[in-house]
N, C-alpha and C. Protein backbone atom coordinates (compact mmCIF):
# COMPACT_ATOMS: atom_id res chain seq x y z
N UNK A 1 9.38 115.06 224.21
CA UNK A 1 10.22 115.50 225.32
C UNK A 1 10.76 116.90 225.02
N UNK A 2 10.70 117.78 226.01
CA UNK A 2 11.19 119.14 225.81
C UNK A 2 12.69 119.14 225.60
N UNK A 3 13.15 120.04 224.72
CA UNK A 3 14.58 120.17 224.49
C UNK A 3 15.24 120.83 225.69
N UNK A 4 16.27 120.23 226.29
CA UNK A 4 16.90 120.84 227.45
C UNK A 4 17.58 122.15 227.08
N UNK A 5 17.52 123.11 227.99
CA UNK A 5 18.11 124.41 227.71
C UNK A 5 19.62 124.34 227.70
N UNK A 6 20.18 123.43 228.48
CA UNK A 6 21.64 123.34 228.59
C UNK A 6 22.01 121.86 228.66
N UNK A 7 22.49 121.34 227.56
CA UNK A 7 22.73 119.90 227.45
C UNK A 7 23.98 119.49 228.22
N UNK A 8 23.86 118.36 228.94
CA UNK A 8 24.99 117.83 229.69
C UNK A 8 26.09 117.39 228.72
N UNK A 9 27.31 117.44 229.20
CA UNK A 9 28.47 117.04 228.40
C UNK A 9 28.90 115.64 228.82
N UNK A 10 29.13 114.78 227.85
CA UNK A 10 29.56 113.41 228.09
C UNK A 10 31.05 113.29 227.85
N UNK A 11 31.81 112.87 228.87
CA UNK A 11 33.27 112.75 228.74
C UNK A 11 33.75 111.32 228.95
N UNK A 12 32.86 110.35 228.92
CA UNK A 12 33.26 108.97 229.16
C UNK A 12 32.26 108.04 228.49
N UNK A 13 32.68 106.83 228.17
CA UNK A 13 31.79 105.82 227.60
C UNK A 13 31.24 104.88 228.65
N UNK A 14 31.90 104.79 229.80
CA UNK A 14 31.48 103.87 230.86
C UNK A 14 31.64 104.55 232.21
N UNK A 15 30.78 104.17 233.12
CA UNK A 15 30.88 104.61 234.51
C UNK A 15 31.64 103.57 235.32
N UNK A 16 32.32 104.04 236.38
CA UNK A 16 33.00 103.11 237.27
C UNK A 16 32.81 103.57 238.71
N UNK A 17 32.96 102.63 239.62
CA UNK A 17 32.75 102.88 241.04
C UNK A 17 33.76 103.90 241.57
N UNK A 18 33.24 104.97 242.17
CA UNK A 18 34.11 106.01 242.74
C UNK A 18 34.72 105.58 244.06
N UNK A 19 34.11 104.63 244.75
CA UNK A 19 34.44 104.39 246.14
C UNK A 19 35.50 103.31 246.33
N UNK A 20 36.33 103.08 245.32
CA UNK A 20 37.44 102.14 245.50
C UNK A 20 38.41 102.70 246.55
N UNK A 21 39.13 101.79 247.19
CA UNK A 21 39.99 102.18 248.31
C UNK A 21 41.27 102.81 247.78
N UNK A 22 41.37 104.12 247.94
CA UNK A 22 42.52 104.85 247.43
C UNK A 22 43.73 104.66 248.34
N UNK A 23 44.95 104.85 247.79
CA UNK A 23 46.17 104.64 248.59
C UNK A 23 46.16 105.47 249.87
N UNK A 24 46.46 104.81 250.97
CA UNK A 24 46.55 105.49 252.26
C UNK A 24 45.26 105.53 253.05
N UNK A 25 44.13 105.43 252.37
CA UNK A 25 42.85 105.51 253.08
C UNK A 25 42.53 104.19 253.78
N UNK A 26 42.08 104.31 255.01
CA UNK A 26 41.58 103.18 255.78
C UNK A 26 40.35 103.66 256.57
N UNK A 27 39.48 102.76 256.97
CA UNK A 27 38.34 103.19 257.78
C UNK A 27 38.78 103.99 258.99
N UNK A 28 38.15 105.11 259.20
CA UNK A 28 38.48 105.97 260.33
C UNK A 28 39.54 107.01 260.05
N UNK A 29 40.23 106.93 258.92
CA UNK A 29 41.24 107.93 258.60
C UNK A 29 40.60 109.27 258.27
N UNK A 30 41.36 110.33 258.53
CA UNK A 30 40.92 111.68 258.19
C UNK A 30 42.07 112.35 257.43
N UNK A 31 41.70 113.22 256.50
CA UNK A 31 42.68 113.85 255.63
C UNK A 31 42.58 115.36 255.74
N UNK A 32 43.69 116.02 256.06
CA UNK A 32 43.74 117.47 255.93
C UNK A 32 43.79 117.82 254.45
N UNK A 33 42.88 118.69 254.02
CA UNK A 33 42.82 119.05 252.62
C UNK A 33 42.17 120.42 252.47
N UNK A 34 42.55 121.14 251.43
CA UNK A 34 41.96 122.44 251.13
C UNK A 34 40.80 122.25 250.15
N UNK A 35 39.67 122.87 250.48
CA UNK A 35 38.49 122.80 249.64
C UNK A 35 37.85 124.17 249.50
N UNK A 36 37.07 124.34 248.46
CA UNK A 36 36.01 125.34 248.46
C UNK A 36 34.73 124.64 248.88
N UNK A 37 33.99 125.26 249.78
CA UNK A 37 32.70 124.71 250.20
C UNK A 37 31.62 125.74 249.88
N UNK A 38 30.37 125.32 249.92
CA UNK A 38 29.32 126.14 249.34
C UNK A 38 28.11 126.28 250.26
N UNK A 39 28.39 126.51 251.55
CA UNK A 39 27.31 126.76 252.49
C UNK A 39 26.60 128.06 252.11
N UNK A 40 25.28 128.03 252.13
CA UNK A 40 24.50 129.24 251.86
C UNK A 40 24.42 129.64 250.40
N UNK A 41 24.98 128.84 249.51
CA UNK A 41 24.94 129.16 248.08
C UNK A 41 23.66 128.56 247.49
N UNK A 42 22.54 129.26 247.73
CA UNK A 42 21.23 128.70 247.39
C UNK A 42 21.07 128.46 245.89
N UNK A 43 21.60 129.34 245.06
CA UNK A 43 21.45 129.16 243.61
C UNK A 43 22.15 127.89 243.14
N UNK A 44 23.33 127.65 243.66
CA UNK A 44 24.04 126.42 243.32
C UNK A 44 23.30 125.21 243.86
N UNK A 45 22.77 125.31 245.06
CA UNK A 45 22.03 124.19 245.64
C UNK A 45 20.81 123.85 244.79
N UNK A 46 20.11 124.87 244.27
CA UNK A 46 18.94 124.61 243.43
C UNK A 46 19.34 123.95 242.11
N UNK A 47 20.46 124.39 241.54
CA UNK A 47 20.94 123.77 240.32
C UNK A 47 21.25 122.30 240.54
N UNK A 48 21.98 122.01 241.61
CA UNK A 48 22.32 120.63 241.94
C UNK A 48 21.06 119.80 242.19
N UNK A 49 20.10 120.38 242.91
CA UNK A 49 18.86 119.66 243.20
C UNK A 49 18.11 119.30 241.92
N UNK A 50 18.14 120.19 240.92
CA UNK A 50 17.48 119.89 239.66
C UNK A 50 18.09 118.69 238.96
N UNK A 51 19.40 118.64 238.95
CA UNK A 51 20.07 117.47 238.36
C UNK A 51 19.83 116.22 239.18
N UNK A 52 19.90 116.34 240.48
CA UNK A 52 19.70 115.15 241.31
C UNK A 52 18.29 114.60 241.19
N UNK A 53 17.30 115.46 241.05
CA UNK A 53 15.92 115.00 240.88
C UNK A 53 15.79 114.17 239.61
N UNK A 54 16.46 114.59 238.55
CA UNK A 54 16.40 113.85 237.29
C UNK A 54 17.09 112.50 237.39
N UNK A 55 18.07 112.39 238.26
CA UNK A 55 18.86 111.16 238.40
C UNK A 55 18.33 110.23 239.48
N UNK A 56 17.33 110.68 240.24
CA UNK A 56 16.94 109.98 241.47
C UNK A 56 16.44 108.56 241.21
N UNK A 57 15.89 108.29 240.04
CA UNK A 57 15.33 106.97 239.78
C UNK A 57 16.39 105.96 239.34
N UNK A 58 17.61 106.42 239.15
CA UNK A 58 18.66 105.53 238.66
C UNK A 58 19.40 104.87 239.81
N UNK A 59 19.63 103.55 239.74
CA UNK A 59 20.51 102.91 240.72
C UNK A 59 21.96 103.26 240.43
N UNK A 60 22.79 103.12 241.45
CA UNK A 60 24.22 103.27 241.22
C UNK A 60 24.77 104.66 241.36
N UNK A 61 23.97 105.61 241.86
CA UNK A 61 24.44 106.98 242.04
C UNK A 61 24.16 107.44 243.47
N UNK A 62 25.14 108.06 244.08
CA UNK A 62 25.00 108.61 245.43
C UNK A 62 24.97 110.13 245.34
N UNK A 63 23.79 110.77 245.50
CA UNK A 63 23.73 112.23 245.42
C UNK A 63 24.46 112.87 246.58
N UNK A 64 25.08 114.02 246.32
CA UNK A 64 25.81 114.75 247.36
C UNK A 64 24.85 115.74 248.02
N UNK A 65 24.63 115.63 249.34
CA UNK A 65 23.75 116.59 250.01
C UNK A 65 24.30 118.02 249.89
N UNK A 66 23.43 119.02 249.87
CA UNK A 66 23.90 120.41 249.72
C UNK A 66 24.98 120.80 250.73
N UNK A 67 24.84 120.32 251.95
CA UNK A 67 25.81 120.67 253.00
C UNK A 67 27.21 120.22 252.64
N UNK A 68 27.32 119.15 251.86
CA UNK A 68 28.62 118.55 251.60
C UNK A 68 29.11 118.78 250.17
N UNK A 69 28.52 119.72 249.46
CA UNK A 69 29.06 120.08 248.15
C UNK A 69 30.44 120.71 248.34
N UNK A 70 31.36 120.38 247.47
CA UNK A 70 32.73 120.85 247.65
C UNK A 70 33.49 120.83 246.34
N UNK A 71 34.56 121.59 246.32
CA UNK A 71 35.52 121.57 245.21
C UNK A 71 36.89 121.34 245.83
N UNK A 72 37.48 120.19 245.56
CA UNK A 72 38.77 119.82 246.14
C UNK A 72 39.89 120.63 245.49
N UNK A 73 40.74 121.20 246.32
CA UNK A 73 41.86 122.01 245.84
C UNK A 73 43.20 121.32 245.98
N UNK A 74 43.56 120.94 247.22
CA UNK A 74 44.91 120.44 247.47
C UNK A 74 44.95 119.67 248.78
N UNK A 75 45.41 118.42 248.72
CA UNK A 75 45.60 117.63 249.93
C UNK A 75 46.83 118.11 250.69
N UNK A 76 46.77 117.96 252.01
CA UNK A 76 47.90 118.26 252.88
C UNK A 76 48.50 116.97 253.43
N UNK A 77 47.66 116.09 253.95
CA UNK A 77 48.14 114.82 254.48
C UNK A 77 47.18 114.27 255.51
N UNK A 78 47.31 113.00 255.83
CA UNK A 78 46.42 112.38 256.81
C UNK A 78 46.67 112.96 258.20
N UNK A 79 45.61 113.08 258.96
CA UNK A 79 45.70 113.76 260.25
C UNK A 79 46.62 113.04 261.22
N UNK A 80 46.77 111.72 261.08
CA UNK A 80 47.66 110.99 261.98
C UNK A 80 49.12 111.08 261.54
N UNK A 81 49.37 111.71 260.40
CA UNK A 81 50.73 111.82 259.89
C UNK A 81 51.25 113.25 259.87
N UNK A 82 50.37 114.24 259.93
CA UNK A 82 50.77 115.65 259.86
C UNK A 82 50.59 116.27 261.25
N UNK A 83 51.67 116.62 261.93
CA UNK A 83 51.55 117.22 263.26
C UNK A 83 50.80 118.56 263.21
N UNK A 84 50.19 118.89 264.32
CA UNK A 84 49.40 120.12 264.39
C UNK A 84 50.25 121.35 264.10
N UNK A 85 51.51 121.34 264.54
CA UNK A 85 52.34 122.52 264.30
C UNK A 85 52.63 122.72 262.80
N UNK A 86 52.66 121.63 262.03
CA UNK A 86 52.82 121.77 260.59
C UNK A 86 51.56 122.33 259.94
N UNK A 87 50.42 121.94 260.45
CA UNK A 87 49.16 122.51 259.96
C UNK A 87 49.13 124.01 260.22
N UNK A 88 49.52 124.41 261.42
CA UNK A 88 49.53 125.84 261.77
C UNK A 88 50.53 126.60 260.90
N UNK A 89 51.65 125.98 260.58
CA UNK A 89 52.63 126.64 259.73
C UNK A 89 52.07 126.86 258.33
N UNK A 90 51.36 125.88 257.81
CA UNK A 90 50.74 126.04 256.49
C UNK A 90 49.71 127.16 256.52
N UNK A 91 48.90 127.19 257.55
CA UNK A 91 47.89 128.25 257.66
C UNK A 91 48.54 129.63 257.77
N UNK A 92 49.60 129.73 258.56
CA UNK A 92 50.27 131.02 258.72
C UNK A 92 50.86 131.50 257.40
N UNK A 93 51.36 130.57 256.58
CA UNK A 93 51.91 130.95 255.29
C UNK A 93 50.80 131.26 254.28
N UNK A 94 49.67 130.59 254.40
CA UNK A 94 48.60 130.74 253.41
C UNK A 94 47.79 132.02 253.60
N UNK A 95 47.60 132.45 254.84
CA UNK A 95 46.69 133.57 255.09
C UNK A 95 47.09 134.83 254.31
N UNK A 96 48.33 135.30 254.38
CA UNK A 96 48.64 136.53 253.63
C UNK A 96 48.60 136.34 252.12
N UNK A 97 48.96 135.15 251.64
CA UNK A 97 48.95 134.92 250.20
C UNK A 97 47.53 134.86 249.65
N UNK A 98 46.66 134.11 250.33
CA UNK A 98 45.28 134.01 249.87
C UNK A 98 44.54 135.33 250.07
N UNK A 99 44.96 136.10 251.08
CA UNK A 99 44.32 137.38 251.33
C UNK A 99 44.54 138.40 250.24
N UNK A 100 45.47 138.12 249.34
CA UNK A 100 45.71 139.02 248.20
C UNK A 100 44.97 138.57 246.94
N UNK A 101 44.34 137.40 246.98
CA UNK A 101 43.59 136.92 245.82
C UNK A 101 42.19 137.50 245.81
N UNK A 102 41.63 137.75 244.64
CA UNK A 102 40.26 138.28 244.59
C UNK A 102 39.22 137.21 244.93
N UNK A 103 38.07 137.66 245.39
CA UNK A 103 36.94 136.76 245.58
C UNK A 103 36.63 136.06 244.26
N UNK A 104 36.36 134.77 244.32
CA UNK A 104 36.08 134.00 243.11
C UNK A 104 34.64 134.19 242.67
N UNK A 105 34.44 134.46 241.41
CA UNK A 105 33.11 134.45 240.79
C UNK A 105 33.11 133.31 239.78
N UNK A 106 32.33 132.28 240.07
CA UNK A 106 32.38 131.05 239.29
C UNK A 106 31.00 130.72 238.75
N UNK A 107 30.94 130.36 237.47
CA UNK A 107 29.72 129.89 236.85
C UNK A 107 29.73 128.37 236.82
N UNK A 108 28.58 127.76 237.09
CA UNK A 108 28.45 126.30 237.08
C UNK A 108 27.29 125.90 236.18
N UNK A 109 27.48 124.81 235.44
CA UNK A 109 26.47 124.28 234.56
C UNK A 109 26.87 124.48 233.11
N UNK A 110 26.48 123.55 232.26
CA UNK A 110 25.67 122.36 232.51
C UNK A 110 26.47 121.24 233.16
N UNK A 111 25.80 120.12 233.44
CA UNK A 111 26.45 118.98 234.07
C UNK A 111 27.43 118.32 233.10
N UNK A 112 28.42 117.66 233.67
CA UNK A 112 29.42 116.90 232.92
C UNK A 112 29.42 115.48 233.46
N UNK A 113 29.33 114.50 232.57
CA UNK A 113 29.33 113.09 232.98
C UNK A 113 30.76 112.58 232.85
N UNK A 114 31.37 112.30 234.00
CA UNK A 114 32.73 111.74 234.05
C UNK A 114 32.64 110.28 234.47
N UNK A 115 33.77 109.60 234.47
CA UNK A 115 33.76 108.17 234.75
C UNK A 115 33.21 107.84 236.12
N UNK A 116 33.52 108.66 237.15
CA UNK A 116 33.15 108.30 238.51
C UNK A 116 32.08 109.21 239.10
N UNK A 117 31.60 110.20 238.35
CA UNK A 117 30.64 111.14 238.94
C UNK A 117 29.96 111.96 237.86
N UNK A 118 28.81 112.49 238.23
CA UNK A 118 28.20 113.58 237.47
C UNK A 118 28.66 114.87 238.16
N UNK A 119 29.23 115.79 237.38
CA UNK A 119 29.93 116.92 237.96
C UNK A 119 29.45 118.24 237.36
N UNK A 120 29.81 119.31 238.05
CA UNK A 120 29.73 120.67 237.54
C UNK A 120 31.15 121.23 237.52
N UNK A 121 31.53 121.84 236.41
CA UNK A 121 32.87 122.40 236.28
C UNK A 121 32.80 123.92 236.35
N UNK A 122 33.66 124.55 237.14
CA UNK A 122 33.61 126.01 237.28
C UNK A 122 34.18 126.72 236.06
N UNK A 123 33.58 127.85 235.75
CA UNK A 123 34.09 128.70 234.67
C UNK A 123 34.10 130.14 235.17
N UNK A 124 35.19 130.87 234.96
CA UNK A 124 36.45 130.37 234.41
C UNK A 124 37.21 129.55 235.45
N UNK A 125 38.00 128.61 234.99
CA UNK A 125 38.76 127.77 235.91
C UNK A 125 40.07 128.41 236.33
N UNK A 126 40.47 129.49 235.66
CA UNK A 126 41.79 130.06 235.92
C UNK A 126 41.95 130.53 237.36
N UNK A 127 40.91 131.14 237.94
CA UNK A 127 41.01 131.61 239.31
C UNK A 127 41.19 130.48 240.30
N UNK A 128 40.51 129.36 240.06
CA UNK A 128 40.65 128.20 240.94
C UNK A 128 42.04 127.59 240.80
N UNK A 129 42.54 127.54 239.58
CA UNK A 129 43.89 127.02 239.34
C UNK A 129 44.94 127.89 240.03
N UNK A 130 44.75 129.21 239.95
CA UNK A 130 45.68 130.12 240.64
C UNK A 130 45.60 129.93 242.15
N UNK A 131 44.41 129.75 242.67
CA UNK A 131 44.24 129.52 244.11
C UNK A 131 44.99 128.28 244.54
N UNK A 132 44.86 127.20 243.78
CA UNK A 132 45.57 125.97 244.13
C UNK A 132 47.08 126.18 244.09
N UNK A 133 47.56 126.87 243.06
CA UNK A 133 49.00 127.13 242.96
C UNK A 133 49.48 127.97 244.14
N UNK A 134 48.66 128.89 244.61
CA UNK A 134 49.02 129.74 245.75
C UNK A 134 49.08 128.91 247.03
N UNK A 135 48.13 128.00 247.19
CA UNK A 135 48.15 127.11 248.36
C UNK A 135 49.40 126.24 248.33
N UNK A 136 49.74 125.71 247.18
CA UNK A 136 50.95 124.89 247.07
C UNK A 136 52.20 125.70 247.39
N UNK A 137 52.22 126.96 246.97
CA UNK A 137 53.36 127.82 247.29
C UNK A 137 53.45 128.06 248.79
N UNK A 138 52.32 128.24 249.44
CA UNK A 138 52.31 128.44 250.89
C UNK A 138 52.82 127.18 251.60
N UNK A 139 52.38 126.02 251.14
CA UNK A 139 52.84 124.77 251.74
C UNK A 139 54.34 124.60 251.56
N UNK A 140 54.84 124.93 250.37
CA UNK A 140 56.27 124.77 250.10
C UNK A 140 57.11 125.68 250.98
N UNK A 141 56.58 126.86 251.30
CA UNK A 141 57.34 127.80 252.13
C UNK A 141 57.25 127.46 253.61
N UNK A 142 56.29 126.63 253.99
CA UNK A 142 56.02 126.40 255.41
C UNK A 142 56.68 125.14 255.96
N UNK A 143 57.01 124.19 255.10
CA UNK A 143 57.57 122.95 255.61
C UNK A 143 58.49 122.31 254.58
N UNK A 144 59.23 121.31 255.03
CA UNK A 144 60.22 120.66 254.18
C UNK A 144 59.69 119.39 253.53
N UNK A 145 58.43 119.06 253.79
CA UNK A 145 57.86 117.84 253.23
C UNK A 145 57.61 118.01 251.73
N UNK A 146 57.55 116.87 251.04
CA UNK A 146 57.17 116.87 249.63
C UNK A 146 55.68 117.22 249.54
N UNK A 147 55.32 118.16 248.68
CA UNK A 147 53.93 118.56 248.54
C UNK A 147 53.14 117.43 247.90
N UNK A 148 52.05 116.98 248.53
CA UNK A 148 51.25 115.89 247.94
C UNK A 148 50.68 116.30 246.60
N UNK A 149 50.50 115.33 245.73
CA UNK A 149 49.91 115.51 244.41
C UNK A 149 50.84 116.31 243.50
N UNK A 150 50.74 116.06 242.23
CA UNK A 150 51.55 116.82 241.28
C UNK A 150 50.88 118.15 240.96
N UNK A 151 51.66 119.09 240.51
CA UNK A 151 51.11 120.41 240.23
C UNK A 151 50.20 120.41 239.01
N UNK A 152 50.52 119.62 237.99
CA UNK A 152 49.73 119.59 236.77
C UNK A 152 48.58 118.61 236.84
N UNK A 153 47.72 118.68 235.83
CA UNK A 153 46.62 117.74 235.73
C UNK A 153 45.42 118.05 236.61
N UNK A 154 45.40 119.23 237.22
CA UNK A 154 44.30 119.60 238.10
C UNK A 154 43.06 119.94 237.27
N UNK A 155 41.91 119.32 237.60
CA UNK A 155 40.65 119.56 236.91
C UNK A 155 39.59 119.89 237.95
N UNK A 156 39.38 121.17 238.25
CA UNK A 156 38.42 121.53 239.30
C UNK A 156 37.00 121.12 238.95
N UNK A 157 36.27 120.62 239.94
CA UNK A 157 34.90 120.16 239.71
C UNK A 157 34.15 120.09 241.03
N UNK A 158 32.85 120.12 240.93
CA UNK A 158 31.95 119.90 242.06
C UNK A 158 31.07 118.71 241.71
N UNK A 159 31.13 117.65 242.50
CA UNK A 159 30.34 116.46 242.22
C UNK A 159 28.88 116.68 242.60
N UNK A 160 27.98 116.30 241.69
CA UNK A 160 26.54 116.29 241.95
C UNK A 160 26.14 114.93 242.52
N UNK A 161 26.71 113.86 241.96
CA UNK A 161 26.44 112.49 242.42
C UNK A 161 27.64 111.63 242.06
N UNK A 162 28.00 110.72 242.96
CA UNK A 162 29.10 109.79 242.72
C UNK A 162 28.55 108.43 242.28
N UNK A 163 29.27 107.77 241.36
CA UNK A 163 28.92 106.42 240.95
C UNK A 163 29.34 105.43 242.02
N UNK A 164 28.48 104.47 242.30
CA UNK A 164 28.85 103.44 243.27
C UNK A 164 28.93 102.05 242.66
N UNK A 165 28.91 102.00 241.32
CA UNK A 165 29.08 100.73 240.61
C UNK A 165 29.50 101.03 239.17
N UNK A 166 30.02 100.02 238.50
CA UNK A 166 30.35 100.15 237.09
C UNK A 166 29.07 100.03 236.27
N UNK A 167 29.06 100.69 235.11
CA UNK A 167 27.86 100.59 234.29
C UNK A 167 27.92 101.49 233.08
N UNK A 168 26.87 101.45 232.26
CA UNK A 168 26.82 102.28 231.05
C UNK A 168 26.42 103.72 231.38
N UNK A 169 26.80 104.62 230.50
CA UNK A 169 26.42 106.02 230.68
C UNK A 169 25.05 106.34 230.12
N UNK A 170 24.52 105.47 229.25
CA UNK A 170 23.27 105.77 228.56
C UNK A 170 22.13 106.24 229.44
N UNK A 171 21.79 105.51 230.52
CA UNK A 171 20.68 105.96 231.36
C UNK A 171 20.91 107.34 231.99
N UNK A 172 22.17 107.65 232.33
CA UNK A 172 22.47 108.95 232.91
C UNK A 172 22.28 110.04 231.87
N UNK A 173 22.76 109.79 230.66
CA UNK A 173 22.57 110.76 229.58
C UNK A 173 21.09 111.02 229.36
N UNK A 174 20.30 109.96 229.28
CA UNK A 174 18.87 110.11 229.03
C UNK A 174 18.19 110.90 230.15
N UNK A 175 18.57 110.62 231.39
CA UNK A 175 17.97 111.33 232.51
C UNK A 175 18.30 112.82 232.47
N UNK A 176 19.55 113.14 232.18
CA UNK A 176 19.95 114.54 232.18
C UNK A 176 19.38 115.31 231.00
N UNK A 177 18.97 114.60 229.94
CA UNK A 177 18.34 115.27 228.81
C UNK A 177 16.98 115.85 229.16
N UNK A 178 16.42 115.43 230.29
CA UNK A 178 15.12 115.97 230.71
C UNK A 178 15.26 117.24 231.55
N UNK A 179 16.47 117.59 231.91
CA UNK A 179 16.69 118.71 232.82
C UNK A 179 16.65 120.02 232.05
N UNK A 180 15.91 120.97 232.56
CA UNK A 180 15.87 122.30 231.97
C UNK A 180 16.18 123.30 233.08
N UNK A 181 17.45 123.46 233.35
CA UNK A 181 17.92 124.41 234.37
C UNK A 181 19.01 125.27 233.77
N UNK A 182 19.09 126.51 234.20
CA UNK A 182 20.09 127.43 233.69
C UNK A 182 21.33 127.41 234.57
N UNK A 183 22.50 127.60 233.98
CA UNK A 183 23.71 127.73 234.79
C UNK A 183 23.58 128.88 235.79
N UNK A 184 24.37 128.81 236.85
CA UNK A 184 24.34 129.84 237.89
C UNK A 184 25.76 130.35 238.12
N UNK A 185 25.84 131.55 238.69
CA UNK A 185 27.12 132.13 239.07
C UNK A 185 27.12 132.39 240.57
N UNK A 186 28.19 132.00 241.25
CA UNK A 186 28.29 132.19 242.69
C UNK A 186 29.58 132.93 243.02
N UNK A 187 29.57 133.64 244.14
CA UNK A 187 30.76 134.30 244.68
C UNK A 187 31.27 133.48 245.85
N UNK A 188 32.55 133.15 245.80
CA UNK A 188 33.17 132.33 246.85
C UNK A 188 34.22 133.19 247.53
N UNK A 189 34.02 133.55 248.82
CA UNK A 189 34.91 134.53 249.46
C UNK A 189 36.07 133.94 250.22
N UNK A 190 36.19 132.60 250.29
CA UNK A 190 37.20 132.01 251.17
C UNK A 190 37.50 130.59 250.75
N UNK A 191 38.65 130.12 251.17
CA UNK A 191 39.02 128.72 251.05
C UNK A 191 39.02 128.11 252.45
N UNK A 192 38.80 126.81 252.51
CA UNK A 192 38.72 126.12 253.80
C UNK A 192 39.76 125.01 253.88
N UNK A 193 40.43 124.95 255.02
CA UNK A 193 41.23 123.78 255.36
C UNK A 193 40.35 122.89 256.23
N UNK A 194 40.16 121.65 255.80
CA UNK A 194 39.22 120.77 256.49
C UNK A 194 39.91 119.46 256.86
N UNK A 195 39.29 118.74 257.79
CA UNK A 195 39.68 117.36 258.10
C UNK A 195 38.58 116.48 257.53
N UNK A 196 38.88 115.79 256.44
CA UNK A 196 37.90 115.08 255.63
C UNK A 196 37.85 113.61 256.00
N UNK A 197 36.64 113.07 256.06
CA UNK A 197 36.49 111.63 256.21
C UNK A 197 35.72 111.08 255.01
N UNK A 198 36.00 109.86 254.68
CA UNK A 198 35.43 109.21 253.49
C UNK A 198 34.90 107.86 253.92
N UNK A 199 33.67 107.86 254.43
CA UNK A 199 33.07 106.66 254.99
C UNK A 199 31.66 106.49 254.44
N UNK A 200 31.23 105.22 254.32
CA UNK A 200 29.85 104.90 253.96
C UNK A 200 29.40 105.63 252.70
N UNK A 201 30.25 105.60 251.69
CA UNK A 201 29.97 106.20 250.37
C UNK A 201 29.57 107.67 250.49
N UNK A 202 30.33 108.40 251.28
CA UNK A 202 30.07 109.83 251.42
C UNK A 202 31.34 110.52 251.91
N UNK A 203 31.37 111.83 251.70
CA UNK A 203 32.41 112.69 252.24
C UNK A 203 31.78 113.60 253.30
N UNK A 204 32.44 113.68 254.44
CA UNK A 204 32.04 114.59 255.51
C UNK A 204 33.32 115.24 256.03
N UNK A 205 33.19 116.36 256.70
CA UNK A 205 34.40 117.00 257.20
C UNK A 205 34.13 117.88 258.40
N UNK A 206 35.22 118.18 259.08
CA UNK A 206 35.28 119.20 260.12
C UNK A 206 36.14 120.33 259.59
N UNK A 207 35.63 121.56 259.68
CA UNK A 207 36.40 122.70 259.21
C UNK A 207 37.47 123.06 260.24
N UNK A 208 38.71 123.07 259.81
CA UNK A 208 39.83 123.43 260.66
C UNK A 208 40.03 124.95 260.67
N UNK A 209 39.97 125.56 259.49
CA UNK A 209 40.15 127.02 259.38
C UNK A 209 39.57 127.48 258.05
N UNK A 210 39.08 128.70 258.05
CA UNK A 210 38.69 129.35 256.80
C UNK A 210 39.64 130.52 256.57
N UNK A 211 40.06 130.69 255.34
CA UNK A 211 41.01 131.76 254.98
C UNK A 211 40.36 132.63 253.92
N UNK A 212 40.05 133.89 254.25
CA UNK A 212 39.33 134.76 253.31
C UNK A 212 40.23 135.29 252.21
N UNK A 213 39.59 135.58 251.07
CA UNK A 213 40.26 136.27 249.99
C UNK A 213 40.13 137.78 250.19
N UNK A 214 40.71 138.55 249.29
CA UNK A 214 40.63 140.00 249.34
C UNK A 214 39.23 140.46 248.94
N UNK A 215 38.51 141.07 249.85
CA UNK A 215 37.15 141.50 249.58
C UNK A 215 37.06 142.97 249.22
N UNK A 216 38.17 143.67 249.10
CA UNK A 216 38.15 145.12 248.80
C UNK A 216 38.20 145.37 247.30
């Protein structure tokens, strides 16, 4: 077997089902949340496709289609609980703050095996962490509600495939050892506020607004 050029990182001894029912989620619910999305990022799509091809023979994994690749930044709240005027207030506060941040240049690869997914972690992570902190600051200035999620413990990632059952990591490790793909670097010029749905073991969304970073 050829030696992989970039060995996957193992961060767990066991896999577990990602699709457990999280607090507040019910069928048909939608969540306002800030994400980075990766439309048109062909290099990243090819990297993800290489990993997914190696994993395709394994049961228990749901590959993420290129259209729905994402990096979760910060939840806002369920659409039936957050009035539209509060969403607009958050956007109005976020636009000037995010407009002062530089375009993100992020490297992805090799893959990381976590408990609920095979992931790609961005490097450097500092720019993504600053972006999330800026979004939280905009939310805090725009409304009196408690900001969802705690500020600490944020681990930015892009899922390649989600686990849909509990199981051992061994087969995933063995599959990824066959992959010979190089990490890629992408430029991300904007953050997106989306209305996210989590149905049928997948994430889909409607884009509410895109907020560009400083491109000068």
